[in-house]
Amino acid sequence: TKESPVGVRFIFVSTLTPPGPVERGAPRDRRIASEAIVQANDQIR
């Protein structure tokens, strides 16, 4: 983004959100382990 010739002035980067409870009957359990989210967010920061 910084190297782009279009001249972007501001870059905002979000951390990842935590996992939540899986409801009964949900099509799929796609949770990510909380510990993995925390470590990935440390990397992002």
All heavy atoms as atom14 arrays in JSON, in Angstrom:
{
  "sequence": "TKESPVGVRFIFVSTLTPPGPVERGAPRDRRIASEAIVQANDQIR",
  "atom14_mask": [
    [1, 1, 1, 1, 1, 1, 1, 0, 0, 0, 0, 0, 0, 0],
    [1, 1, 1, 1, 1, 1, 1, 1, 1, 0, 0, 0, 0, 0],
    [1, 1, 1, 1, 1, 1, 1, 1, 1, 0, 0, 0, 0, 0],
    [1, 1, 1, 1, 1, 1, 0, 0, 0, 0, 0, 0, 0, 0],
    [1, 1, 1, 1, 1, 1, 1, 0, 0, 0, 0, 0, 0, 0],
    [1, 1, 1, 1, 1, 1, 1, 0, 0, 0, 0, 0, 0, 0],
    [1, 1, 1, 1, 0, 0, 0, 0, 0, 0, 0, 0, 0, 0],
    [1, 1, 1, 1, 1, 1, 1, 0, 0, 0, 0, 0, 0, 0],
    [1, 1, 1, 1, 1, 1, 1, 1, 1, 1, 1, 0, 0, 0],
    [1, 1, 1, 1, 1, 1, 1, 1, 1, 1, 1, 0, 0, 0],
    [1, 1, 1, 1, 1, 1, 1, 1, 0, 0, 0, 0, 0, 0],
    [1, 1, 1, 1, 1, 1, 1, 1, 1, 1, 1, 0, 0, 0],
    [1, 1, 1, 1, 1, 1, 1, 0, 0, 0, 0, 0, 0, 0],
    [1, 1, 1, 1, 1, 1, 0, 0, 0, 0, 0, 0, 0, 0],
    [1, 1, 1, 1, 1, 1, 1, 0, 0, 0, 0, 0, 0, 0],
    [1, 1, 1, 1, 1, 1, 1, 1, 0, 0, 0, 0, 0, 0],
    [1, 1, 1, 1, 1, 1, 1, 0, 0, 0, 0, 0, 0, 0],
    [1, 1, 1, 1, 1, 1, 1, 0, 0, 0, 0, 0, 0, 0],
    [1, 1, 1, 1, 1, 1, 1, 0, 0, 0, 0, 0, 0, 0],
    [1, 1, 1, 1, 0, 0, 0, 0, 0, 0, 0, 0, 0, 0],
    [1, 1, 1, 1, 1, 1, 1, 0, 0, 0, 0, 0, 0, 0],
    [1, 1, 1, 1, 1, 1, 1, 0, 0, 0, 0, 0, 0, 0],
    [1, 1, 1, 1, 1, 1, 1, 1, 1, 0, 0, 0, 0, 0],
    [1, 1, 1, 1, 1, 1, 1, 1, 1, 1, 1, 0, 0, 0],
    [1, 1, 1, 1, 0, 0, 0, 0, 0, 0, 0, 0, 0, 0],
    [1, 1, 1, 1, 1, 0, 0, 0, 0, 0, 0, 0, 0, 0],
    [1, 1, 1, 1, 1, 1, 1, 0, 0, 0, 0, 0, 0, 0],
    [1, 1, 1, 1, 1, 1, 1, 1, 1, 1, 1, 0, 0, 0],
    [1, 1, 1, 1, 1, 1, 1, 1, 0, 0, 0, 0, 0, 0],
    [1, 1, 1, 1, 1, 1, 1, 1, 1, 1, 1, 0, 0, 0],
    [1, 1, 1, 1, 1, 1, 1, 1, 1, 1, 1, 0, 0, 0],
    [1, 1, 1, 1, 1, 1, 1, 1, 0, 0, 0, 0, 0, 0],
    [1, 1, 1, 1, 1, 0, 0, 0, 0, 0, 0, 0, 0, 0],
    [1, 1, 1, 1, 1, 1, 0, 0, 0, 0, 0, 0, 0, 0],
    [1, 1, 1, 1, 1, 1, 1, 1, 1, 0, 0, 0, 0, 0],
    [1, 1, 1, 1, 1, 0, 0, 0, 0, 0, 0, 0, 0, 0],
    [1, 1, 1, 1, 1, 1, 1, 1, 0, 0, 0, 0, 0, 0],
    [1, 1, 1, 1, 1, 1, 1, 0, 0, 0, 0, 0, 0, 0],
    [1, 1, 1, 1, 1, 1, 1, 1, 1, 0, 0, 0, 0, 0],
    [1, 1, 1, 1, 1, 0, 0, 0, 0, 0, 0, 0, 0, 0],
    [1, 1, 1, 1, 1, 1, 1, 1, 0, 0, 0, 0, 0, 0],
    [1, 1, 1, 1, 1, 1, 1, 1, 0, 0, 0, 0, 0, 0],
    [1, 1, 1, 1, 1, 1, 1, 1, 1, 0, 0, 0, 0, 0],
    [1, 1, 1, 1, 1, 1, 1, 1, 0, 0, 0, 0, 0, 0],
    [1, 1, 1, 1, 1, 1, 1, 1, 1, 1, 1, 0, 0, 0]
  ],
  "atom14_positions": [
    [[0.84, -1.21, 0.0], [0.0, 0.0, 0.0], [0.87, 1.25, 0.0], [0.62, 2.21, -0.75], [-0.94, 0.01, 1.21], [-1.77, -1.16, 1.18], [-1.82, 1.24, 1.23], [0.0, 0.0, 0.0], [0.0, 0.0, 0.0], [0.0, 0.0, 0.0], [0.0, 0.0, 0.0], [0.0, 0.0, 0.0], [0.0, 0.0, 0.0], [0.0, 0.0, 0.0]],
    [[1.9, 1.26, 0.82], [2.79, 2.42, 0.9], [3.58, 2.62, -0.39], [3.91, 3.75, -0.77], [3.74, 2.27, 2.09], [3.04, 2.33, 3.43], [3.94, 1.94, 4.58], [5.0, 2.96, 4.85], [5.8, 2.63, 6.06], [0.0, 0.0, 0.0], [0.0, 0.0, 0.0], [0.0, 0.0, 0.0], [0.0, 0.0, 0.0], [0.0, 0.0, 0.0]],
    [[3.88, 1.52, -1.08], [4.64, 1.6, -2.33], [3.77, 1.97, -3.52], [4.29, 2.33, -4.59], [5.29, 0.24, -2.6], [6.37, -0.13, -1.6], [6.73, -1.61, -1.66], [6.11, -2.33, -2.48], [7.59, -2.05, -0.88], [0.0, 0.0, 0.0], [0.0, 0.0, 0.0], [0.0, 0.0, 0.0], [0.0, 0.0, 0.0], [0.0, 0.0, 0.0]],
    [[2.46, 1.93, -3.37], [1.56, 2.19, -4.49], [1.71, 3.63, -4.98], [1.77, 4.57, -4.18], [0.11, 1.94, -4.07], [-0.78, 2.38, -5.08], [0.0, 0.0, 0.0], [0.0, 0.0, 0.0], [0.0, 0.0, 0.0], [0.0, 0.0, 0.0], [0.0, 0.0, 0.0], [0.0, 0.0, 0.0], [0.0, 0.0, 0.0], [0.0, 0.0, 0.0]],
    [[1.75, 3.85, -6.28], [1.88, 5.21, -6.81], [0.64, 6.07, -6.66], [0.68, 7.27, -6.95], [2.21, 4.96, -8.29], [1.59, 3.64, -8.61], [1.73, 2.83, -7.36], [0.0, 0.0, 0.0], [0.0, 0.0, 0.0], [0.0, 0.0, 0.0], [0.0, 0.0, 0.0], [0.0, 0.0, 0.0], [0.0, 0.0, 0.0], [0.0, 0.0, 0.0]],
    [[-0.48, 5.49, -6.21], [-1.71, 6.29, -6.11], [-1.65, 7.27, -4.94], [-2.47, 8.19, -4.85], [-2.96, 5.39, -5.98], [-3.05, 4.43, -7.14], [-2.99, 4.65, -4.66], [0.0, 0.0, 0.0], [0.0, 0.0, 0.0], [0.0, 0.0, 0.0], [0.0, 0.0, 0.0], [0.0, 0.0, 0.0], [0.0, 0.0, 0.0], [0.0, 0.0, 0.0]],
    [[-0.69, 7.09, -4.03], [-0.53, 8.05, -2.94], [-1.53, 7.91, -1.81], [-2.16, 8.89, -1.39], [0.0, 0.0, 0.0], [0.0, 0.0, 0.0], [0.0, 0.0, 0.0], [0.0, 0.0, 0.0], [0.0, 0.0, 0.0], [0.0, 0.0, 0.0], [0.0, 0.0, 0.0], [0.0, 0.0, 0.0], [0.0, 0.0, 0.0], [0.0, 0.0, 0.0]],
    [[-1.69, 6.69, -1.29], [-2.56, 6.47, -0.13], [-2.0, 7.24, 1.06], [-0.81, 7.15, 1.39], [-2.66, 4.97, 0.2], [-3.44, 4.75, 1.49], [-3.32, 4.22, -0.95], [0.0, 0.0, 0.0], [0.0, 0.0, 0.0], [0.0, 0.0, 0.0], [0.0, 0.0, 0.0], [0.0, 0.0, 0.0], [0.0, 0.0, 0.0], [0.0, 0.0, 0.0]],
    [[-2.86, 7.98, 1.75], [-2.41, 8.86, 2.83], [-2.49, 8.19, 4.2], [-1.71, 8.52, 5.1], [-3.23, 10.14, 2.83], [-3.07, 10.98, 1.58], [-4.02, 12.16, 1.57], [-3.85, 13.0, 2.75], [-4.68, 13.98, 3.07], [-5.74, 14.24, 2.31], [-4.46, 14.7, 4.16], [0.0, 0.0, 0.0], [0.0, 0.0, 0.0], [0.0, 0.0, 0.0]],
    [[-3.44, 7.28, 4.37], [-3.63, 6.66, 5.68], [-3.92, 5.17, 5.5], [-4.66, 4.77, 4.6], [-4.8, 7.31, 6.44], [-4.63, 8.78, 6.68], [-5.18, 9.71, 5.8], [-3.92, 9.25, 7.78], [-5.03, 11.06, 6.01], [-3.77, 10.61, 8.0], [-4.32, 11.52, 7.11], [0.0, 0.0, 0.0], [0.0, 0.0, 0.0], [0.0, 0.0, 0.0]],
    [[-3.34, 4.35, 6.4], [-3.57, 2.91, 6.39], [-4.01, 2.5, 7.79], [-3.3, 2.75, 8.77], [-2.29, 2.14, 6.02], [-1.73, 2.62, 4.68], [-2.56, 0.63, 5.97], [-0.34, 2.08, 4.37], [0.0, 0.0, 0.0], [0.0, 0.0, 0.0], [0.0, 0.0, 0.0], [0.0, 0.0, 0.0], [0.0, 0.0, 0.0], [0.0, 0.0, 0.0]],
    [[-5.18, 1.87, 7.88], [-5.72, 1.38, 9.15], [-5.79, -0.14, 9.09], [-6.3, -0.7, 8.12], [-7.11, 1.95, 9.4], [-7.14, 3.44, 9.6], [-7.22, 4.3, 8.5], [-7.09, 3.99, 10.87], [-7.24, 5.67, 8.67], [-7.11, 5.36, 11.04], [-7.18, 6.21, 9.95], [0.0, 0.0, 0.0], [0.0, 0.0, 0.0], [0.0, 0.0, 0.0]],
    [[-5.29, -0.79, 10.13], [-5.26, -2.26, 10.17], [-5.94, -2.74, 11.44], [-5.58, -2.32, 12.55], [-3.82, -2.79, 10.12], [-3.83, -4.32, 10.09], [-3.06, -2.23, 8.92], [0.0, 0.0, 0.0], [0.0, 0.0, 0.0], [0.0, 0.0, 0.0], [0.0, 0.0, 0.0], [0.0, 0.0, 0.0], [0.0, 0.0, 0.0], [0.0, 0.0, 0.0]],
    [[-6.91, -3.63, 11.29], [-7.65, -4.16, 12.44], [-7.05, -5.46, 12.95], [-6.54, -6.28, 12.17], [-9.11, -4.4, 12.06], [-9.82, -5.02, 13.11], [0.0, 0.0, 0.0], [0.0, 0.0, 0.0], [0.0, 0.0, 0.0], [0.0, 0.0, 0.0], [0.0, 0.0, 0.0], [0.0, 0.0, 0.0], [0.0, 0.0, 0.0], [0.0, 0.0, 0.0]],
    [[-7.12, -5.63, 14.27], [-6.84, -6.94, 14.84], [-8.0, -7.88, 14.54], [-9.06, -7.46, 14.08], [-6.64, -6.83, 16.36], [-7.75, -6.12, 16.93], [-5.36, -6.1, 16.7], [0.0, 0.0, 0.0], [0.0, 0.0, 0.0], [0.0, 0.0, 0.0], [0.0, 0.0, 0.0], [0.0, 0.0, 0.0], [0.0, 0.0, 0.0], [0.0, 0.0, 0.0]],
    [[-7.8, -9.18, 14.8], [-8.83, -10.18, 14.56], [-9.74, -10.28, 15.77], [-9.32, -10.11, 16.92], [-8.18, -11.54, 14.28], [-7.15, -11.58, 13.16], [-6.63, -13.01, 12.98], [-7.72, -11.05, 11.85], [0.0, 0.0, 0.0], [0.0, 0.0, 0.0], [0.0, 0.0, 0.0], [0.0, 0.0, 0.0], [0.0, 0.0, 0.0], [0.0, 0.0, 0.0]],
    [[-11.01, -10.56, 15.51], [-11.99, -10.68, 16.58], [-11.94, -12.08, 17.21], [-11.53, -13.04, 16.56], [-13.4, -10.4, 16.04], [-13.64, -11.25, 14.91], [-13.53, -8.95, 15.62], [0.0, 0.0, 0.0], [0.0, 0.0, 0.0], [0.0, 0.0, 0.0], [0.0, 0.0, 0.0], [0.0, 0.0, 0.0], [0.0, 0.0, 0.0], [0.0, 0.0, 0.0]],
    [[-12.37, -12.22, 18.47], [-12.29, -13.52, 19.15], [-13.35, -14.49, 18.66], [-14.32, -14.09, 18.0], [-12.53, -13.15, 20.62], [-13.38, -11.92, 20.55], [-12.9, -11.16, 19.35], [0.0, 0.0, 0.0], [0.0, 0.0, 0.0], [0.0, 0.0, 0.0], [0.0, 0.0, 0.0], [0.0, 0.0, 0.0], [0.0, 0.0, 0.0], [0.0, 0.0, 0.0]],
    [[-13.21, -15.79, 18.98], [-14.25, -16.76, 18.64], [-15.46, -16.59, 19.56], [-15.36, -15.99, 20.64], [-13.56, -18.11, 18.88], [-12.56, -17.81, 19.95], [-12.06, -16.43, 19.68], [0.0, 0.0, 0.0], [0.0, 0.0, 0.0], [0.0, 0.0, 0.0], [0.0, 0.0, 0.0], [0.0, 0.0, 0.0], [0.0, 0.0, 0.0], [0.0, 0.0, 0.0]],
    [[-16.58, -17.13, 19.11], [-17.79, -17.09, 19.93], [-18.37, -18.47, 20.11], [-17.84, -19.46, 19.59], [0.0, 0.0, 0.0], [0.0, 0.0, 0.0], [0.0, 0.0, 0.0], [0.0, 0.0, 0.0], [0.0, 0.0, 0.0], [0.0, 0.0, 0.0], [0.0, 0.0, 0.0], [0.0, 0.0, 0.0], [0.0, 0.0, 0.0], [0.0, 0.0, 0.0]],
    [[-19.48, -18.57, 20.83], [-20.12, -19.88, 21.02], [-20.75, -20.38, 19.72], [-21.21, -19.59, 18.9], [-21.19, -19.59, 22.07], [-21.49, -18.13, 21.92], [-20.21, -17.48, 21.52], [0.0, 0.0, 0.0], [0.0, 0.0, 0.0], [0.0, 0.0, 0.0], [0.0, 0.0, 0.0], [0.0, 0.0, 0.0], [0.0, 0.0, 0.0], [0.0, 0.0, 0.0]],
    [[-20.75, -21.69, 19.55], [-21.4, -22.3, 18.39], [-22.8, -22.75, 18.79], [-22.98, -23.48, 19.76], [-20.59, -23.51, 17.87], [-21.33, -24.2, 16.73], [-19.22, -23.04, 17.41], [0.0, 0.0, 0.0], [0.0, 0.0, 0.0], [0.0, 0.0, 0.0], [0.0, 0.0, 0.0], [0.0, 0.0, 0.0], [0.0, 0.0, 0.0], [0.0, 0.0, 0.0]],
    [[-23.78, -22.29, 18.05], [-25.16, -22.63, 18.39], [-25.51, -24.03, 17.92], [-24.99, -24.51, 16.9], [-26.12, -21.62, 17.77], [-26.02, -20.23, 18.35], [-27.07, -19.29, 17.8], [-27.96, -19.77, 17.06], [-27.01, -18.09, 18.12], [0.0, 0.0, 0.0], [0.0, 0.0, 0.0], [0.0, 0.0, 0.0], [0.0, 0.0, 0.0], [0.0, 0.0, 0.0]],
    [[-26.39, -24.68, 18.66], [-26.86, -26.01, 18.27], [-27.55, -25.93, 16.91], [-28.37, -25.04, 16.65], [-27.84, -26.56, 19.31], [-28.4, -27.94, 18.98], [-29.31, -28.44, 20.08], [-28.57, -28.62, 21.34], [-29.14, -29.0, 22.48], [-30.45, -29.25, 22.51], [-28.41, -29.12, 23.57], [0.0, 0.0, 0.0], [0.0, 0.0, 0.0], [0.0, 0.0, 0.0]],
    [[-27.2, -26.83, 16.03], [-27.79, -26.84, 14.7], [-27.03, -25.98, 13.69], [-27.45, -25.87, 12.53], [0.0, 0.0, 0.0], [0.0, 0.0, 0.0], [0.0, 0.0, 0.0], [0.0, 0.0, 0.0], [0.0, 0.0, 0.0], [0.0, 0.0, 0.0], [0.0, 0.0, 0.0], [0.0, 0.0, 0.0], [0.0, 0.0, 0.0], [0.0, 0.0, 0.0]],
    [[-25.93, -25.36, 14.13], [-25.14, -24.56, 13.19], [-24.57, -25.45, 12.09], [-24.2, -26.6, 12.35], [-24.0, -23.86, 13.94], [0.0, 0.0, 0.0], [0.0, 0.0, 0.0], [0.0, 0.0, 0.0], [0.0, 0.0, 0.0], [0.0, 0.0, 0.0], [0.0, 0.0, 0.0], [0.0, 0.0, 0.0], [0.0, 0.0, 0.0], [0.0, 0.0, 0.0]],
    [[-24.52, -24.97, 10.85], [-24.02, -25.8, 9.75], [-22.6, -26.3, 9.99], [-22.24, -27.38, 9.52], [-24.08, -24.86, 8.54], [-25.04, -23.79, 8.91], [-24.95, -23.64, 10.4], [0.0, 0.0, 0.0], [0.0, 0.0, 0.0], [0.0, 0.0, 0.0], [0.0, 0.0, 0.0], [0.0, 0.0, 0.0], [0.0, 0.0, 0.0], [0.0, 0.0, 0.0]],
    [[-21.78, -25.51, 10.71], [-20.39, -25.88, 10.86], [-19.76, -25.13, 12.03], [-20.1, -23.96, 12.27], [-19.64, -25.54, 9.56], [-18.17, -25.93, 9.54], [-17.6, -25.55, 8.19], [-16.15, -25.68, 8.16], [-15.38, -25.22, 7.19], [-15.93, -24.62, 6.15], [-14.07, -25.36, 7.23], [0.0, 0.0, 0.0], [0.0, 0.0, 0.0], [0.0, 0.0, 0.0]],
    [[-18.89, -25.8, 12.75], [-18.11, -25.17, 13.81], [-16.82, -24.65, 13.18], [-15.94, -25.43, 12.79], [-17.81, -26.18, 14.92], [-17.01, -25.56, 16.07], [-16.54, -24.42, 15.93], [-16.87, -26.23, 17.12], [0.0, 0.0, 0.0], [0.0, 0.0, 0.0], [0.0, 0.0, 0.0], [0.0, 0.0, 0.0], [0.0, 0.0, 0.0], [0.0, 0.0, 0.0]],
    [[-16.68, -23.32, 13.07], [-15.52, -22.74, 12.41], [-14.66, -21.93, 13.37], [-13.87, -21.08, 12.96], [-15.97, -21.86, 11.24], [-16.77, -22.62, 10.18], [-17.01, -21.77, 8.97], [-15.74, -21.42, 8.3], [-15.68, -20.65, 7.22], [-16.79, -20.17, 6.68], [-14.52, -20.36, 6.68], [0.0, 0.0, 0.0], [0.0, 0.0, 0.0], [0.0, 0.0, 0.0]],
    [[-14.78, -22.22, 14.64], [-14.04, -21.44, 15.63], [-12.52, -21.59, 15.46], [-12.02, -22.64, 15.1], [-14.43, -21.87, 17.04], [-15.82, -21.46, 17.48], [-16.13, -22.03, 18.84], [-16.15, -23.5, 18.8], [-16.21, -24.26, 19.89], [-16.28, -23.71, 21.1], [-16.21, -25.58, 19.77], [0.0, 0.0, 0.0], [0.0, 0.0, 0.0], [0.0, 0.0, 0.0]],
    [[-11.83, -20.51, 15.77], [-10.38, -20.5, 15.88], [-10.04, -20.45, 17.37], [-10.7, -19.73, 18.14], [-9.78, -19.28, 15.17], [-10.1, -19.34, 13.67], [-8.26, -19.21, 15.37], [-9.76, -18.07, 12.93], [0.0, 0.0, 0.0], [0.0, 0.0, 0.0], [0.0, 0.0, 0.0], [0.0, 0.0, 0.0], [0.0, 0.0, 0.0], [0.0, 0.0, 0.0]],
    [[-9.05, -21.2, 17.79], [-8.66, -21.22, 19.2], [-8.32, -19.8, 19.67], [-7.63, -19.04, 18.97], [-7.46, -22.14, 19.41], [0.0, 0.0, 0.0], [0.0, 0.0, 0.0], [0.0, 0.0, 0.0], [0.0, 0.0, 0.0], [0.0, 0.0, 0.0], [0.0, 0.0, 0.0], [0.0, 0.0, 0.0], [0.0, 0.0, 0.0], [0.0, 0.0, 0.0]],
    [[-8.8, -19.46, 20.85], [-8.56, -18.11, 21.4], [-7.07, -17.8, 21.47], [-6.63, -16.68, 21.17], [-9.19, -17.99, 22.79], [-10.59, -18.11, 22.73], [0.0, 0.0, 0.0], [0.0, 0.0, 0.0], [0.0, 0.0, 0.0], [0.0, 0.0, 0.0], [0.0, 0.0, 0.0], [0.0, 0.0, 0.0], [0.0, 0.0, 0.0], [0.0, 0.0, 0.0]],
    [[-6.28, -18.8, 21.87], [-4.84, -18.58, 21.99], [-4.22, -18.22, 20.64], [-3.3, -17.39, 20.57], [-4.15, -19.83, 22.56], [-4.67, -20.27, 23.93], [-5.82, -21.26, 23.82], [-6.52, -21.25, 22.78], [-5.99, -22.05, 24.76], [0.0, 0.0, 0.0], [0.0, 0.0, 0.0], [0.0, 0.0, 0.0], [0.0, 0.0, 0.0], [0.0, 0.0, 0.0]],
    [[-4.7, -18.84, 19.57], [-4.18, -18.54, 18.24], [-4.54, -17.11, 17.82], [-3.72, -16.4, 17.21], [-4.71, -19.55, 17.23], [0.0, 0.0, 0.0], [0.0, 0.0, 0.0], [0.0, 0.0, 0.0], [0.0, 0.0, 0.0], [0.0, 0.0, 0.0], [0.0, 0.0, 0.0], [0.0, 0.0, 0.0], [0.0, 0.0, 0.0], [0.0, 0.0, 0.0]],
    [[-5.76, -16.72, 18.12], [-6.18, -15.34, 17.81], [-5.29, -14.34, 18.55], [-4.82, -13.35, 17.98], [-7.66, -15.12, 18.18], [-8.58, -15.95, 17.27], [-8.02, -13.65, 18.12], [-8.73, -15.42, 15.88], [0.0, 0.0, 0.0], [0.0, 0.0, 0.0], [0.0, 0.0, 0.0], [0.0, 0.0, 0.0], [0.0, 0.0, 0.0], [0.0, 0.0, 0.0]],
    [[-5.05, -14.59, 19.83], [-4.22, -13.69, 20.64], [-2.82, -13.58, 20.05], [-2.25, -12.48, 19.92], [-4.18, -14.17, 22.1], [-3.11, -13.4, 22.89], [-5.55, -14.0, 22.76], [0.0, 0.0, 0.0], [0.0, 0.0, 0.0], [0.0, 0.0, 0.0], [0.0, 0.0, 0.0], [0.0, 0.0, 0.0], [0.0, 0.0, 0.0], [0.0, 0.0, 0.0]],
    [[-2.23, -14.7, 19.68], [-0.87, -14.68, 19.12], [-0.84, -13.99, 17.75], [0.09, -13.24, 17.45], [-0.34, -16.1, 19.01], [-0.1, -16.79, 20.34], [0.34, -18.23, 20.18], [1.26, -18.52, 19.41], [-0.3, -19.14, 20.89], [0.0, 0.0, 0.0], [0.0, 0.0, 0.0], [0.0, 0.0, 0.0], [0.0, 0.0, 0.0], [0.0, 0.0, 0.0]],
    [[-1.84, -14.24, 16.94], [-1.89, -13.57, 15.64], [-2.05, -12.06, 15.81], [-1.44, -11.27, 15.08], [-3.04, -14.13, 14.82], [0.0, 0.0, 0.0], [0.0, 0.0, 0.0], [0.0, 0.0, 0.0], [0.0, 0.0, 0.0], [0.0, 0.0, 0.0], [0.0, 0.0, 0.0], [0.0, 0.0, 0.0], [0.0, 0.0, 0.0], [0.0, 0.0, 0.0]],
    [[-2.86, -11.65, 16.79], [-3.03, -10.22, 17.05], [-1.75, -9.58, 17.54], [-1.46, -8.41, 17.22], [-4.16, -9.99, 18.05], [-5.53, -10.12, 17.41], [-5.67, -10.02, 16.18], [-6.56, -10.34, 18.21], [0.0, 0.0, 0.0], [0.0, 0.0, 0.0], [0.0, 0.0, 0.0], [0.0, 0.0, 0.0], [0.0, 0.0, 0.0], [0.0, 0.0, 0.0]],
    [[-0.94, -10.32, 18.3], [0.36, -9.8, 18.7], [1.23, -9.54, 17.47], [1.93, -8.52, 17.39], [1.07, -10.79, 19.64], [0.45, -10.82, 21.03], [-0.28, -9.86, 21.38], [0.68, -11.81, 21.77], [0.0, 0.0, 0.0], [0.0, 0.0, 0.0], [0.0, 0.0, 0.0], [0.0, 0.0, 0.0], [0.0, 0.0, 0.0], [0.0, 0.0, 0.0]],
    [[1.17, -10.45, 16.53], [1.91, -10.27, 15.28], [1.4, -9.03, 14.53], [2.19, -8.23, 14.01], [1.75, -11.51, 14.39], [2.48, -12.74, 14.89], [3.84, -12.89, 14.23], [4.3, -12.01, 13.5], [4.5, -14.0, 14.5], [0.0, 0.0, 0.0], [0.0, 0.0, 0.0], [0.0, 0.0, 0.0], [0.0, 0.0, 0.0], [0.0, 0.0, 0.0]],
    [[0.09, -8.89, 14.45], [-0.49, -7.75, 13.74], [-0.07, -6.44, 14.39], [0.35, -5.48, 13.7], [-2.03, -7.87, 13.69], [-2.44, -9.05, 12.78], [-2.66, -6.57, 13.2], [-3.91, -9.38, 12.83], [0.0, 0.0, 0.0], [0.0, 0.0, 0.0], [0.0, 0.0, 0.0], [0.0, 0.0, 0.0], [0.0, 0.0, 0.0], [0.0, 0.0, 0.0]],
    [[-0.13, -6.37, 15.72], [0.25, -5.15, 16.42], [1.72, -4.8, 16.13], [2.05, -3.62, 15.9], [0.02, -5.3, 17.92], [-1.45, -5.42, 18.31], [-1.62, -5.43, 19.82], [-3.01, -5.63, 20.2], [-3.52, -6.8, 20.54], [-2.74, -7.89, 20.59], [-4.79, -6.91, 20.86], [0.0, 0.0, 0.0], [0.0, 0.0, 0.0], [0.0, 0.0, 0.0]]
  ]
}
